[in-house]
Amino acid sequence: MNAKPYPIEIEPVDISAYKVGNTGVPYVTTFDSGTPGPHVMVMALTHGNELCG
C-alpha cells in the first residue's frame, strides 16, 4: 500500500492561563472545602501541552 500520509495541522490549545495555580507548583491548583472527608485527585493533563486522542 502506497498511501500518502496527510499532514496533521492542529494548533495546540493555549493552557498558559493555568500556569500560576495556587500551590507554588506550575499548573497545580488545590481546593480545600474546610470539611473533613475523603481526598480526591483529578489529573486532566498527563504529559504537558500534548496533542493526543
N, C-alpha and C. Protein backbone atom coordinates (compact mmCIF):
# COMPACT_ATOMS: atom_id res chain seq x y z
N MET A 1 0.85 -1.17 0.00
CA MET A 1 0.00 0.00 0.00
C MET A 1 0.90 1.24 0.00
N ASN A 2 0.68 2.15 -0.91
CA ASN A 2 1.48 3.36 -1.03
C ASN A 2 0.65 4.61 -0.70
N ALA A 3 -0.10 4.56 0.36
CA ALA A 3 -0.92 5.71 0.74
C ALA A 3 -0.03 6.85 1.22
N LYS A 4 -0.28 8.02 0.68
CA LYS A 4 0.49 9.20 1.07
C LYS A 4 -0.08 9.75 2.39
N PRO A 5 0.77 9.93 3.40
CA PRO A 5 0.25 10.43 4.69
C PRO A 5 -0.19 11.89 4.58
N TYR A 6 -1.24 12.21 5.32
CA TYR A 6 -1.74 13.58 5.34
C TYR A 6 -1.10 14.31 6.53
N PRO A 7 -0.76 15.59 6.35
CA PRO A 7 -0.18 16.34 7.48
C PRO A 7 -1.23 16.60 8.55
N ILE A 8 -0.80 16.65 9.78
CA ILE A 8 -1.69 16.99 10.90
C ILE A 8 -1.50 18.48 11.16
N GLU A 9 -2.55 19.25 10.95
CA GLU A 9 -2.47 20.70 11.08
C GLU A 9 -3.42 21.17 12.17
N ILE A 10 -3.07 20.89 13.41
CA ILE A 10 -3.89 21.27 14.56
C ILE A 10 -3.05 22.18 15.45
N GLU A 11 -3.61 23.32 15.82
CA GLU A 11 -2.92 24.23 16.73
C GLU A 11 -3.16 23.76 18.17
N PRO A 12 -2.11 23.69 18.98
CA PRO A 12 -2.31 23.30 20.38
C PRO A 12 -3.09 24.37 21.14
N VAL A 13 -3.87 23.93 22.11
CA VAL A 13 -4.64 24.83 22.96
C VAL A 13 -3.69 25.55 23.91
N ASP A 14 -3.88 26.85 24.09
CA ASP A 14 -3.04 27.63 24.99
C ASP A 14 -3.50 27.40 26.43
N ILE A 15 -2.68 26.74 27.23
CA ILE A 15 -3.03 26.48 28.63
C ILE A 15 -2.25 27.36 29.59
N SER A 16 -1.59 28.39 29.08
CA SER A 16 -0.75 29.24 29.93
C SER A 16 -1.53 29.95 31.03
N ALA A 17 -2.83 30.14 30.86
CA ALA A 17 -3.65 30.78 31.90
C ALA A 17 -3.69 29.96 33.18
N TYR A 18 -3.41 28.67 33.10
CA TYR A 18 -3.46 27.79 34.27
C TYR A 18 -2.11 27.61 34.95
N LYS A 19 -1.06 28.25 34.42
CA LYS A 19 0.30 28.05 34.95
C LYS A 19 0.46 28.53 36.39
N VAL A 20 -0.16 29.64 36.75
CA VAL A 20 0.05 30.23 38.08
C VAL A 20 -0.43 29.31 39.20
N GLY A 21 -1.62 28.75 39.12
CA GLY A 21 -2.14 27.87 40.17
C GLY A 21 -2.18 28.56 41.52
N ASN A 22 -2.20 27.79 42.61
CA ASN A 22 -2.20 28.38 43.94
C ASN A 22 -1.33 27.59 44.92
N THR A 23 -0.39 26.82 44.38
CA THR A 23 0.44 25.97 45.24
C THR A 23 1.93 26.29 45.16
N GLY A 24 2.33 27.13 44.24
CA GLY A 24 3.74 27.38 44.01
C GLY A 24 4.34 26.42 43.00
N VAL A 25 3.56 25.45 42.56
CA VAL A 25 3.99 24.49 41.53
C VAL A 25 3.24 24.84 40.25
N PRO A 26 3.95 25.07 39.14
CA PRO A 26 3.26 25.45 37.91
C PRO A 26 2.17 24.46 37.50
N TYR A 27 1.02 24.99 37.14
CA TYR A 27 -0.14 24.23 36.65
C TYR A 27 -0.81 23.36 37.71
N VAL A 28 -0.52 23.56 38.98
CA VAL A 28 -1.16 22.77 40.05
C VAL A 28 -2.03 23.70 40.88
N THR A 29 -3.31 23.34 41.02
CA THR A 29 -4.26 24.09 41.83
C THR A 29 -4.90 23.13 42.82
N THR A 30 -5.10 23.60 44.05
CA THR A 30 -5.73 22.77 45.06
C THR A 30 -6.95 23.49 45.62
N PHE A 31 -7.96 22.74 46.00
CA PHE A 31 -9.18 23.28 46.61
C PHE A 31 -9.36 22.60 47.95
N ASP A 32 -9.77 23.38 48.96
CA ASP A 32 -10.00 22.83 50.30
C ASP A 32 -11.38 23.26 50.76
N SER A 33 -12.25 22.30 51.04
CA SER A 33 -13.61 22.61 51.47
C SER A 33 -13.66 23.04 52.92
N GLY A 34 -12.60 22.74 53.69
CA GLY A 34 -12.61 23.05 55.11
C GLY A 34 -13.39 22.03 55.92
N THR A 35 -13.86 20.99 55.28
CA THR A 35 -14.63 19.94 55.94
C THR A 35 -13.85 18.63 55.86
N PRO A 36 -13.74 17.89 56.99
CA PRO A 36 -13.04 16.61 56.94
C PRO A 36 -13.75 15.63 55.99
N GLY A 37 -12.97 14.80 55.35
CA GLY A 37 -13.56 13.80 54.46
C GLY A 37 -12.53 13.25 53.51
N PRO A 38 -12.98 12.44 52.56
CA PRO A 38 -12.05 11.81 51.62
C PRO A 38 -11.37 12.85 50.72
N HIS A 39 -10.20 12.48 50.22
CA HIS A 39 -9.45 13.32 49.30
C HIS A 39 -9.62 12.78 47.88
N VAL A 40 -9.63 13.67 46.93
CA VAL A 40 -9.77 13.30 45.52
C VAL A 40 -8.70 14.03 44.72
N MET A 41 -8.07 13.33 43.79
CA MET A 41 -7.14 13.97 42.88
C MET A 41 -7.65 13.77 41.46
N VAL A 42 -7.73 14.84 40.71
CA VAL A 42 -8.14 14.77 39.31
C VAL A 42 -6.98 15.27 38.47
N MET A 43 -6.50 14.42 37.56
CA MET A 43 -5.41 14.82 36.67
C MET A 43 -5.96 14.80 35.25
N ALA A 44 -5.96 15.98 34.63
CA ALA A 44 -6.54 16.09 33.30
C ALA A 44 -5.50 16.16 32.19
N LEU A 45 -4.26 16.38 32.56
CA LEU A 45 -3.21 16.51 31.56
C LEU A 45 -2.01 15.71 32.04
N THR A 46 -1.54 14.77 31.23
CA THR A 46 -0.50 13.86 31.68
C THR A 46 0.90 14.28 31.29
N HIS A 47 1.14 14.63 30.06
CA HIS A 47 2.50 14.90 29.59
C HIS A 47 2.68 16.34 29.12
N GLY A 48 2.05 17.29 29.77
CA GLY A 48 2.19 18.67 29.36
C GLY A 48 1.19 19.03 28.28
N ASN A 49 1.51 20.04 27.52
CA ASN A 49 0.61 20.53 26.48
C ASN A 49 0.75 19.65 25.24
N GLU A 50 0.25 18.44 25.34
CA GLU A 50 0.45 17.41 24.32
C GLU A 50 -0.85 17.13 23.58
N LEU A 51 -0.79 17.10 22.27
CA LEU A 51 -1.97 16.73 21.49
C LEU A 51 -2.06 15.21 21.43
N CYS A 52 -3.17 14.67 21.86
CA CYS A 52 -3.37 13.22 21.78
C CYS A 52 -4.86 12.95 21.68
N GLY A 53 -5.20 11.76 21.29
CA GLY A 53 -6.62 11.47 21.19
C GLY A 53 -6.89 10.09 20.73
